[in-house]
Amino acid sequence: MAAPPVFAPPRRGSAGGGGHVESDSRLMGLIQEGHEAFHQAKYRQAMECWMEALALRETALGGEHPDTARILILIGNAFNKLGEDRPALEFYSRGLAIREKALGPNHVETARAMSNMGIVHHKLGNIREALQYHRWAQSITQRQVSHPELPRTLCDIGDILDEQGDYAGAHEHYSEAYSLQQRHLGVHHPDLARTLVGMGNVLMHMAGYKHAKDKYEQARAIQERVLGVDHPATLITVSNVGLAYEKLGFCQKGLEIQKKTCDKMRSILGNRHRDTVRTMSHLAQAYEACGDYKKAHEWYDEVYSIREKDLGLEHVDTAFVLSRLGTISRKLGDLHKAMQYYSTALAISHKSLGARHVGSAIIAHNLGGVFLRMGQPHLAMQQYQDALHAMKNCSSLGQHHPFVVSVRESMERCAKATQEANAEVVDRLEAISIA
């Protein structure tokens, strides 16, 4: 991959031109200033500090020194937090190449660089590449169980398994990470909060909403103490708490949480940042849960316009919001529009996740419901059968999961509708023959 251009943005007090070599104290000051800005969620400011530090470091030590790699990866972290995945991937790639050459392929710092690559590939929807990088990192870090990098890598893998519908595998990875973190980091470390959020996500997908809320609340307590109440990571966790409240039937409380969280995220990160868009989607879900479908449609539509432009039509997050727009259209009585949304979402999900993924199963089930309402039970049954086959690949849901129960009930209603339709056809044929 081609290396991105290196530049040093003009800053107050910077020496201009003349080949002047900055002192080590200037370099360390820039790095520290970047860290302080980063922890305050001022990611653009942090990136600018580290860009200038990179120029100084490359002048002093060259582009292949391990210390240069460290700054490259810091810049990648800033771009990652800004939601600018391509630049993040380029800086991470440069840092990884230097570390592999200077430290060797089995060094824990090389593993961290591999994990960074996996995280960005995951965001870009490159699941196979992401999992490959994380597995490489795991093979290195598992030799040092006390190092914090191992549980981080386990959580990264857990995130992918959760998204792929392997909830049992995800829970196993999160649980192992949680055990290691409690033993080696203590109960108030921010890494522990990240793991608790992952465990909460799995529980949400398995319909364990009360236990999920408890995990999110534990994570929020740690994040508020360590990061502050208005840090983006804390706000995302608060938004997850709101989702759990909605699933537990406390729709208005969930809506209040989502409104406040979304407003704060827009103020801190702007309207187009990935984390802001996530809270916008959560706000739309809250309006939907409260029965305000027109308001939900407005927010989903805004989310879709951003995701289509920033992520493209083949990204799984785009498929998700299209599916939600389909559900809202169905609830508003526009079955034809709902069918269009679901059909497009299903095509994207098949391509991005596969036909046997739980996400594809959910969309297929929803599309089947539209076909049934449109008086096409045979088309509906085909979608329900596809959904049921996909469920067999996700044994961790269990036979009593609400979605599995819903698919079975839908198939029963569809079978009854098909029988009635067939009986009506027989009656018509008999009437014709008598005539």
Protein backbone atom coordinates (compact mmCIF):
# COMPACT_ATOMS: atom_id res chain seq x y z
CA MET A 1 0.00 0.00 0.00
CA ALA A 2 1.33 3.40 -0.92
CA ALA A 3 2.42 5.52 2.01
CA PRO A 4 0.36 8.65 2.67
CA PRO A 5 2.05 12.03 2.32
CA VAL A 6 3.75 13.30 5.42
CA PHE A 7 3.13 16.91 6.27
CA ALA A 8 3.34 19.14 9.30
CA PRO A 9 0.40 21.52 9.64
CA PRO A 10 1.41 25.05 10.67
CA ARG A 11 1.10 25.60 14.40
CA ARG A 12 1.61 28.41 16.84
CA GLY A 13 5.24 28.75 17.87
CA SER A 14 6.53 26.35 15.21
CA ALA A 15 9.89 27.15 13.75
CA GLY A 16 9.60 27.93 10.09
CA GLY A 17 11.84 26.43 7.38
CA GLY A 18 15.61 26.69 7.40
CA GLY A 19 16.16 23.03 8.27
CA HIS A 20 16.08 23.85 11.98
CA VAL A 21 16.20 20.66 14.10
CA GLU A 22 13.76 20.72 16.99
CA SER A 23 14.94 19.51 20.38
CA ASP A 24 13.82 16.24 21.92
CA SER A 25 11.80 18.20 24.43
CA ARG A 26 9.80 19.79 21.59
CA LEU A 27 9.13 16.36 20.13
CA MET A 28 8.04 14.86 23.46
CA GLY A 29 5.91 17.93 24.13
CA LEU A 30 4.04 17.43 20.87
CA ILE A 31 3.46 13.76 21.61
CA GLN A 32 2.19 14.55 25.11
CA GLU A 33 -0.02 17.37 23.81
CA GLY A 34 -1.49 14.91 21.31
CA HIS A 35 -2.22 12.39 24.06
CA GLU A 36 -3.98 15.01 26.16
CA ALA A 37 -6.11 16.12 23.21
CA PHE A 38 -6.87 12.49 22.31
CA HIS A 39 -8.12 11.65 25.80
CA GLN A 40 -10.34 14.73 25.66
CA ALA A 41 -11.82 13.39 22.39
CA LYS A 42 -10.17 16.23 20.43
CA TYR A 43 -8.99 13.82 17.79
CA ARG A 44 -8.27 16.33 15.02
CA GLN A 45 -6.06 18.34 17.36
CA ALA A 46 -4.27 15.18 18.46
CA MET A 47 -3.66 14.19 14.84
CA GLU A 48 -2.13 17.58 14.05
CA CYS A 49 0.24 17.35 17.03
CA TRP A 50 1.36 13.88 16.02
CA MET A 51 1.76 14.87 12.37
CA GLU A 52 4.23 17.54 13.40
CA ALA A 53 5.97 15.11 15.74
CA LEU A 54 6.23 12.62 12.87
CA ALA A 55 8.00 15.17 10.68
CA LEU A 56 10.53 15.84 13.47
CA ARG A 57 11.04 12.15 14.17
CA GLU A 58 11.58 11.25 10.52
CA THR A 59 14.10 14.09 10.17
CA ALA A 60 16.05 12.86 13.20
CA LEU A 61 15.81 9.07 12.88
CA GLY A 62 14.47 8.31 9.40
CA GLY A 63 11.29 6.65 8.20
CA GLU A 64 12.14 3.07 9.29
CA HIS A 65 12.88 3.57 13.00
CA PRO A 66 10.61 1.87 15.64
CA ASP A 67 9.96 5.26 17.24
CA THR A 68 8.69 6.50 13.89
CA ALA A 69 6.33 3.52 13.79
CA ARG A 70 4.96 4.49 17.18
CA ILE A 71 3.96 7.95 15.93
CA LEU A 72 2.53 6.54 12.71
CA ILE A 73 0.25 4.31 14.77
CA LEU A 74 -0.78 7.21 17.01
CA ILE A 75 -1.83 9.12 13.89
CA GLY A 76 -3.72 6.04 12.74
CA ASN A 77 -5.52 5.99 16.09
CA ALA A 78 -6.61 9.61 15.61
CA PHE A 79 -7.92 8.96 12.10
CA ASN A 80 -9.66 5.84 13.41
CA LYS A 81 -11.47 7.84 16.08
CA LEU A 82 -12.38 10.48 13.51
CA GLY A 83 -14.05 7.75 11.47
CA GLU A 84 -11.63 8.28 8.56
CA ASP A 85 -10.88 4.64 7.88
CA ARG A 86 -8.74 4.84 4.73
CA PRO A 87 -6.12 7.22 6.17
CA ALA A 88 -6.15 5.18 9.40
CA LEU A 89 -5.46 2.01 7.43
CA GLU A 90 -2.58 3.63 5.56
CA PHE A 91 -0.82 4.88 8.70
CA TYR A 92 -1.40 1.58 10.51
CA SER A 93 0.01 -0.28 7.51
CA ARG A 94 3.19 1.81 7.56
CA GLY A 95 3.58 1.30 11.29
CA LEU A 96 3.06 -2.45 11.01
CA ALA A 97 5.65 -2.79 8.22
CA ILE A 98 8.28 -0.99 10.34
CA ARG A 99 7.52 -3.02 13.45
CA GLU A 100 7.66 -6.34 11.62
CA LYS A 101 11.07 -5.39 10.20
CA ALA A 102 12.53 -3.83 13.36
CA LEU A 103 10.96 -5.96 16.14
CA GLY A 104 10.10 -9.16 14.33
CA PRO A 105 6.74 -10.79 13.52
CA ASN A 106 6.30 -12.26 17.02
CA HIS A 107 6.72 -9.10 19.11
CA VAL A 108 3.73 -7.91 21.17
CA GLU A 109 4.00 -4.42 19.64
CA THR A 110 3.74 -6.02 16.20
CA ALA A 111 0.62 -7.82 17.45
CA ARG A 112 -0.91 -4.49 18.49
CA ALA A 113 -0.29 -3.11 15.03
CA MET A 114 -1.94 -6.18 13.52
CA SER A 115 -4.98 -5.69 15.74
CA ASN A 116 -5.23 -2.08 14.60
CA MET A 117 -5.34 -3.27 10.99
CA GLY A 118 -8.05 -5.76 11.93
CA ILE A 119 -10.18 -3.10 13.62
CA VAL A 120 -10.20 -0.85 10.55
CA HIS A 121 -10.82 -3.73 8.14
CA HIS A 122 -13.79 -4.69 10.32
CA LYS A 123 -15.19 -1.16 10.06
CA LEU A 124 -14.73 -1.26 6.30
CA GLY A 125 -16.69 -4.51 6.14
CA ASN A 126 -13.66 -6.64 5.22
CA ILE A 127 -14.52 -9.34 7.73
CA ARG A 128 -12.18 -12.07 6.46
CA GLU A 129 -9.15 -9.77 6.52
CA ALA A 130 -10.12 -8.40 9.92
CA LEU A 131 -10.42 -11.83 11.50
CA GLN A 132 -7.13 -12.92 9.94
CA TYR A 133 -5.25 -9.97 11.47
CA HIS A 134 -6.84 -10.55 14.87
CA ARG A 135 -6.03 -14.28 14.82
CA TRP A 136 -2.40 -13.46 13.98
CA ALA A 137 -2.32 -11.03 16.89
CA GLN A 138 -3.88 -13.62 19.20
CA SER A 139 -1.26 -16.22 18.27
CA ILE A 140 1.42 -13.76 19.41
CA THR A 141 -0.19 -12.32 22.53
CA GLN A 142 -1.43 -15.59 24.02
CA ARG A 143 2.20 -16.33 24.94
CA GLN A 144 2.03 -13.39 27.40
CA VAL A 145 -1.26 -13.84 29.26
CA SER A 146 -0.52 -10.98 31.67
CA HIS A 147 -0.09 -8.46 28.86
CA PRO A 148 -3.18 -6.26 28.26
CA GLU A 149 -2.92 -6.85 24.52
CA LEU A 150 -4.28 -10.40 24.76
CA PRO A 151 -7.72 -9.49 26.21
CA ARG A 152 -7.97 -6.58 23.76
CA THR A 153 -7.41 -8.99 20.88
CA LEU A 154 -9.94 -11.43 22.34
CA CYS A 155 -12.50 -8.62 22.44
CA ASP A 156 -11.74 -7.65 18.84
CA ILE A 157 -12.44 -11.23 17.79
CA GLY A 158 -15.54 -11.27 20.00
CA ASP A 159 -16.87 -8.21 18.16
CA ILE A 160 -16.60 -9.98 14.81
CA LEU A 161 -18.11 -13.24 16.06
CA ASP A 162 -21.01 -11.29 17.59
CA GLU A 163 -21.63 -9.53 14.28
CA GLN A 164 -21.45 -12.87 12.47
CA GLY A 165 -24.14 -14.31 14.72
CA ASP A 166 -21.81 -16.68 16.62
CA TYR A 167 -23.02 -15.48 20.01
CA ALA A 168 -21.66 -18.45 21.94
CA GLY A 169 -18.19 -17.92 20.43
CA ALA A 170 -18.36 -14.18 21.09
CA HIS A 171 -19.39 -14.70 24.71
CA GLU A 172 -16.54 -17.17 25.19
CA HIS A 173 -13.97 -14.63 23.95
CA TYR A 174 -15.41 -11.78 26.00
CA SER A 175 -15.53 -13.94 29.13
CA GLU A 176 -11.90 -14.98 28.75
CA ALA A 177 -10.90 -11.34 28.22
CA TYR A 178 -12.91 -10.24 31.26
CA SER A 179 -11.25 -12.85 33.48
CA LEU A 180 -7.75 -11.79 32.36
CA GLN A 181 -8.52 -8.09 32.80
CA GLN A 182 -9.90 -8.52 36.31
CA ARG A 183 -6.81 -10.48 37.27
CA HIS A 184 -4.19 -8.18 35.75
CA LEU A 185 -5.77 -4.72 35.34
CA GLY A 186 -8.22 -4.33 38.21
CA VAL A 187 -11.93 -3.56 38.27
CA HIS A 188 -11.74 0.11 37.20
CA HIS A 189 -9.62 -0.11 34.05
CA PRO A 190 -11.27 1.27 30.88
CA ASP A 191 -10.43 -1.94 28.97
CA LEU A 192 -12.76 -3.74 31.37
CA ALA A 193 -15.58 -1.39 30.38
CA ARG A 194 -15.02 -2.17 26.70
CA THR A 195 -15.33 -5.90 27.46
CA LEU A 196 -18.50 -5.38 29.50
CA VAL A 197 -20.06 -3.53 26.57
CA GLY A 198 -19.23 -6.46 24.29
CA MET A 199 -20.84 -8.89 26.74
CA GLY A 200 -23.88 -6.63 26.90
CA ASN A 201 -24.16 -6.62 23.11
CA VAL A 202 -24.21 -10.43 23.00
CA LEU A 203 -26.87 -10.56 25.71
CA MET A 204 -29.00 -8.06 23.75
CA HIS A 205 -28.81 -10.28 20.68
CA MET A 206 -29.81 -13.29 22.78
CA ALA A 207 -32.78 -11.37 24.26
CA GLY A 208 -31.23 -11.17 27.74
CA TYR A 209 -32.15 -7.50 27.99
CA LYS A 210 -32.05 -7.08 31.77
CA HIS A 211 -28.62 -8.70 32.07
CA ALA A 212 -27.43 -6.66 29.09
CA LYS A 213 -28.52 -3.45 30.82
CA ASP A 214 -26.61 -4.49 33.94
CA LYS A 215 -23.43 -5.00 31.88
CA TYR A 216 -23.86 -1.62 30.19
CA GLU A 217 -24.41 0.09 33.54
CA GLN A 218 -21.24 -1.47 34.92
CA ALA A 219 -19.32 -0.26 31.90
CA ARG A 220 -20.80 3.22 32.15
CA ALA A 221 -19.76 3.53 35.80
CA ILE A 222 -16.14 2.75 34.86
CA GLN A 223 -16.13 5.07 31.84
CA GLU A 224 -17.68 7.99 33.71
CA ARG A 225 -15.04 7.62 36.42
CA VAL A 226 -12.07 7.24 34.06
CA LEU A 227 -13.08 9.09 30.87
CA GLY A 228 -15.80 11.47 32.01
CA VAL A 229 -19.55 11.69 31.40
CA ASP A 230 -19.26 13.42 28.02
CA HIS A 231 -16.59 11.23 26.44
CA PRO A 232 -17.81 9.59 23.19
CA ALA A 233 -17.12 6.08 24.52
CA THR A 234 -19.20 6.82 27.61
CA LEU A 235 -22.02 8.28 25.51
CA ILE A 236 -22.15 5.21 23.26
CA THR A 237 -22.53 3.04 26.35
CA VAL A 238 -25.29 5.32 27.68
CA SER A 239 -27.04 4.95 24.32
CA ASN A 240 -26.81 1.16 24.69
CA VAL A 241 -28.46 1.48 28.11
CA GLY A 242 -31.28 3.33 26.35
CA LEU A 243 -31.69 0.48 23.87
CA ALA A 244 -31.97 -2.01 26.73
CA TYR A 245 -34.65 0.11 28.41
CA GLU A 246 -36.64 0.14 25.16
CA LYS A 247 -36.44 -3.66 24.86
CA LEU A 248 -37.61 -3.96 28.48
CA GLY A 249 -40.70 -1.87 27.66
CA PHE A 250 -39.58 1.49 29.09
CA CYS A 251 -39.86 3.30 25.76
CA GLN A 252 -40.14 6.87 27.03
CA LYS A 253 -37.11 6.46 29.29
CA GLY A 254 -35.16 5.05 26.37
CA LEU A 255 -36.26 7.95 24.17
CA GLU A 256 -35.13 10.52 26.74
CA ILE A 257 -31.71 8.87 26.94
CA GLN A 258 -31.30 8.72 23.16
CA LYS A 259 -32.26 12.38 22.65
CA LYS A 260 -29.70 13.63 25.16
CA THR A 261 -26.99 11.28 23.91
CA CYS A 262 -27.51 12.14 20.25
CA ASP A 263 -27.41 15.89 20.95
CA LYS A 264 -24.13 15.53 22.83
CA MET A 265 -22.53 13.34 20.17
CA ARG A 266 -23.47 15.79 17.42
CA SER A 267 -21.94 18.60 19.45
CA ILE A 268 -18.70 16.72 20.18
CA LEU A 269 -18.03 14.76 16.98
CA GLY A 270 -20.23 16.40 14.38
CA ASN A 271 -23.16 15.05 12.38
CA ARG A 272 -21.31 12.64 10.07
CA HIS A 273 -19.04 10.78 12.49
CA ARG A 274 -19.73 7.06 12.64
CA ASP A 275 -20.46 7.12 16.39
CA THR A 276 -22.81 10.08 15.98
CA VAL A 277 -24.66 8.26 13.20
CA ARG A 278 -24.96 5.24 15.48
CA THR A 279 -26.69 7.32 18.15
CA MET A 280 -28.93 8.84 15.46
CA SER A 281 -29.94 5.29 14.50
CA HIS A 282 -30.59 4.50 18.17
CA LEU A 283 -32.78 7.60 18.42
CA ALA A 284 -34.77 6.42 15.40
CA GLN A 285 -35.24 3.04 17.11
CA ALA A 286 -36.49 4.81 20.22
CA TYR A 287 -39.08 6.78 18.25
CA GLU A 288 -40.11 3.53 16.56
CA ALA A 289 -40.48 1.78 19.92
CA CYS A 290 -42.68 4.66 21.14
CA GLY A 291 -44.90 4.37 18.06
CA ASP A 292 -43.86 7.67 16.44
CA TYR A 293 -43.19 6.12 13.05
CA LYS A 294 -43.01 9.35 11.06
CA LYS A 295 -40.31 10.74 13.34
CA ALA A 296 -38.49 7.39 13.21
CA HIS A 297 -38.62 7.47 9.41
CA GLU A 298 -37.09 10.96 9.35
CA TRP A 299 -34.12 9.88 11.48
CA TYR A 300 -33.61 6.57 9.63
CA ASP A 301 -33.69 8.44 6.34
CA GLU A 302 -30.98 10.82 7.55
CA VAL A 303 -28.87 7.90 8.76
CA TYR A 304 -29.29 6.16 5.42
CA SER A 305 -28.19 9.21 3.42
CA ILE A 306 -24.98 9.41 5.47
CA ARG A 307 -24.20 5.69 5.41
CA GLU A 308 -24.86 5.34 1.70
CA LYS A 309 -22.40 8.15 0.98
CA ASP A 310 -19.73 7.27 3.55
CA LEU A 311 -19.90 3.46 3.58
CA GLY A 312 -21.47 2.59 0.24
CA LEU A 313 -24.43 0.44 -0.73
CA GLU A 314 -22.68 -2.86 -0.02
CA HIS A 315 -21.91 -2.25 3.66
CA VAL A 316 -23.83 -4.19 6.31
CA ASP A 317 -24.67 -0.99 8.23
CA THR A 318 -26.39 0.34 5.12
CA ALA A 319 -28.41 -2.88 4.89
CA PHE A 320 -29.47 -2.50 8.52
CA VAL A 321 -30.92 0.98 8.10
CA LEU A 322 -32.67 -0.04 4.86
CA SER A 323 -34.27 -2.90 6.78
CA ARG A 324 -35.45 -0.48 9.48
CA LEU A 325 -36.90 1.80 6.79
CA GLY A 326 -38.74 -1.24 5.48
CA THR A 327 -40.23 -1.92 8.89
CA ILE A 328 -41.32 1.70 9.32
CA SER A 329 -42.89 1.72 5.84
CA ARG A 330 -44.79 -1.46 6.71
CA LYS A 331 -46.06 0.05 9.94
CA LEU A 332 -47.15 3.16 8.03
CA GLY A 333 -49.08 0.92 5.62
CA ASP A 334 -46.88 1.30 2.54
CA LEU A 335 -46.30 -2.37 1.75
CA HIS A 336 -44.86 -1.80 -1.72
CA LYS A 337 -42.21 0.57 -0.34
CA ALA A 338 -41.49 -1.84 2.50
CA MET A 339 -40.95 -4.66 0.01
CA GLN A 340 -38.47 -2.51 -1.93
CA TYR A 341 -36.49 -1.60 1.19
CA TYR A 342 -36.39 -5.19 2.47
CA SER A 343 -35.43 -6.63 -0.93
CA THR A 344 -32.52 -4.22 -1.31
CA ALA A 345 -31.40 -4.80 2.28
CA LEU A 346 -31.56 -8.57 1.82
CA ALA A 347 -29.43 -8.45 -1.34
CA ILE A 348 -26.77 -6.40 0.49
CA SER A 349 -26.87 -8.69 3.52
CA HIS A 350 -26.49 -11.81 1.38
CA LYS A 351 -23.43 -10.30 -0.27
CA SER A 352 -21.86 -8.87 2.90
CA LEU A 353 -22.81 -11.50 5.51
CA GLY A 354 -24.11 -14.50 3.60
CA ALA A 355 -27.57 -16.03 3.29
CA ARG A 356 -27.14 -18.07 6.47
CA HIS A 357 -26.33 -15.11 8.75
CA VAL A 358 -28.83 -14.18 11.44
CA GLY A 359 -28.97 -10.63 10.03
CA SER A 360 -30.05 -12.02 6.65
CA ALA A 361 -32.57 -14.25 8.42
CA ILE A 362 -34.20 -11.28 10.15
CA ILE A 363 -34.56 -9.36 6.89
CA ALA A 364 -35.90 -12.44 5.07
CA HIS A 365 -38.49 -12.92 7.82
CA ASN A 366 -39.57 -9.29 7.56
CA LEU A 367 -39.83 -9.54 3.77
CA GLY A 368 -41.93 -12.68 4.18
CA GLY A 369 -44.31 -10.74 6.43
CA VAL A 370 -44.81 -8.14 3.70
CA PHE A 371 -45.48 -10.80 1.08
CA LEU A 372 -48.05 -12.41 3.39
CA ARG A 373 -49.84 -9.09 3.90
CA MET A 374 -49.83 -8.56 0.13
CA GLY A 375 -51.66 -11.87 -0.33
CA GLN A 376 -48.68 -13.84 -1.64
CA PRO A 377 -48.29 -16.65 0.94
CA HIS A 378 -46.14 -18.84 -1.34
CA LEU A 379 -43.50 -16.10 -1.65
CA ALA A 380 -43.79 -15.47 2.07
CA MET A 381 -43.20 -19.15 2.91
CA GLN A 382 -40.04 -19.15 0.79
CA GLN A 383 -38.62 -16.27 2.86
CA TYR A 384 -39.65 -17.89 6.14
CA GLN A 385 -37.96 -21.14 5.15
CA ASP A 386 -34.77 -19.25 4.28
CA ALA A 387 -34.90 -17.57 7.69
CA LEU A 388 -35.42 -20.91 9.45
CA HIS A 389 -32.48 -22.51 7.61
CA ALA A 390 -30.28 -19.61 8.66
CA MET A 391 -31.35 -20.09 12.28
CA LYS A 392 -29.96 -23.63 12.22
CA ASN A 393 -26.51 -22.06 11.77
CA CYS A 394 -26.99 -20.00 14.92
CA SER A 395 -27.63 -22.64 17.58
CA SER A 396 -26.70 -20.19 20.35
CA LEU A 397 -30.08 -18.47 19.93
CA GLY A 398 -31.94 -21.51 21.22
CA GLN A 399 -35.46 -22.67 20.41
CA HIS A 400 -37.07 -20.16 22.79
CA HIS A 401 -35.40 -17.02 21.47
CA PRO A 402 -38.12 -14.48 20.52
CA PHE A 403 -36.99 -14.37 16.90
CA VAL A 404 -36.94 -18.17 16.51
CA VAL A 405 -40.43 -18.34 18.02
CA SER A 406 -41.59 -15.54 15.72
CA VAL A 407 -40.33 -17.37 12.60
CA ARG A 408 -42.16 -20.55 13.59
CA GLU A 409 -45.39 -18.65 14.28
CA SER A 410 -45.08 -16.83 10.95
CA MET A 411 -44.70 -20.14 9.12
CA GLU A 412 -47.81 -21.49 10.82
CA ARG A 413 -49.84 -18.41 9.79
CA CYS A 414 -48.45 -18.65 6.29
CA ALA A 415 -49.32 -22.36 6.01
CA LYS A 416 -52.87 -21.59 7.12
CA ALA A 417 -53.14 -18.75 4.58
CA THR A 418 -51.81 -21.06 1.85
CA GLN A 419 -54.39 -23.74 2.71
CA GLU A 420 -57.16 -21.17 2.61
CA ALA A 421 -55.89 -19.83 -0.73
CA ASN A 422 -55.72 -23.37 -2.15
CA ALA A 423 -59.23 -24.11 -0.90
CA GLU A 424 -60.50 -20.95 -2.59
CA VAL A 425 -58.87 -22.03 -5.86
CA VAL A 426 -60.49 -25.47 -5.60
CA ASP A 427 -63.90 -23.86 -4.97
CA ARG A 428 -63.49 -21.66 -8.03
CA LEU A 429 -62.49 -24.62 -10.21
CA GLU A 430 -65.50 -26.62 -8.99
CA ALA A 431 -67.78 -23.68 -9.71
CA ILE A 432 -66.37 -23.44 -13.25
CA SER A 433 -66.81 -27.18 -13.87
CA ILE A 434 -70.42 -27.08 -12.62
CA ALA A 435 -71.20 -24.15 -14.86
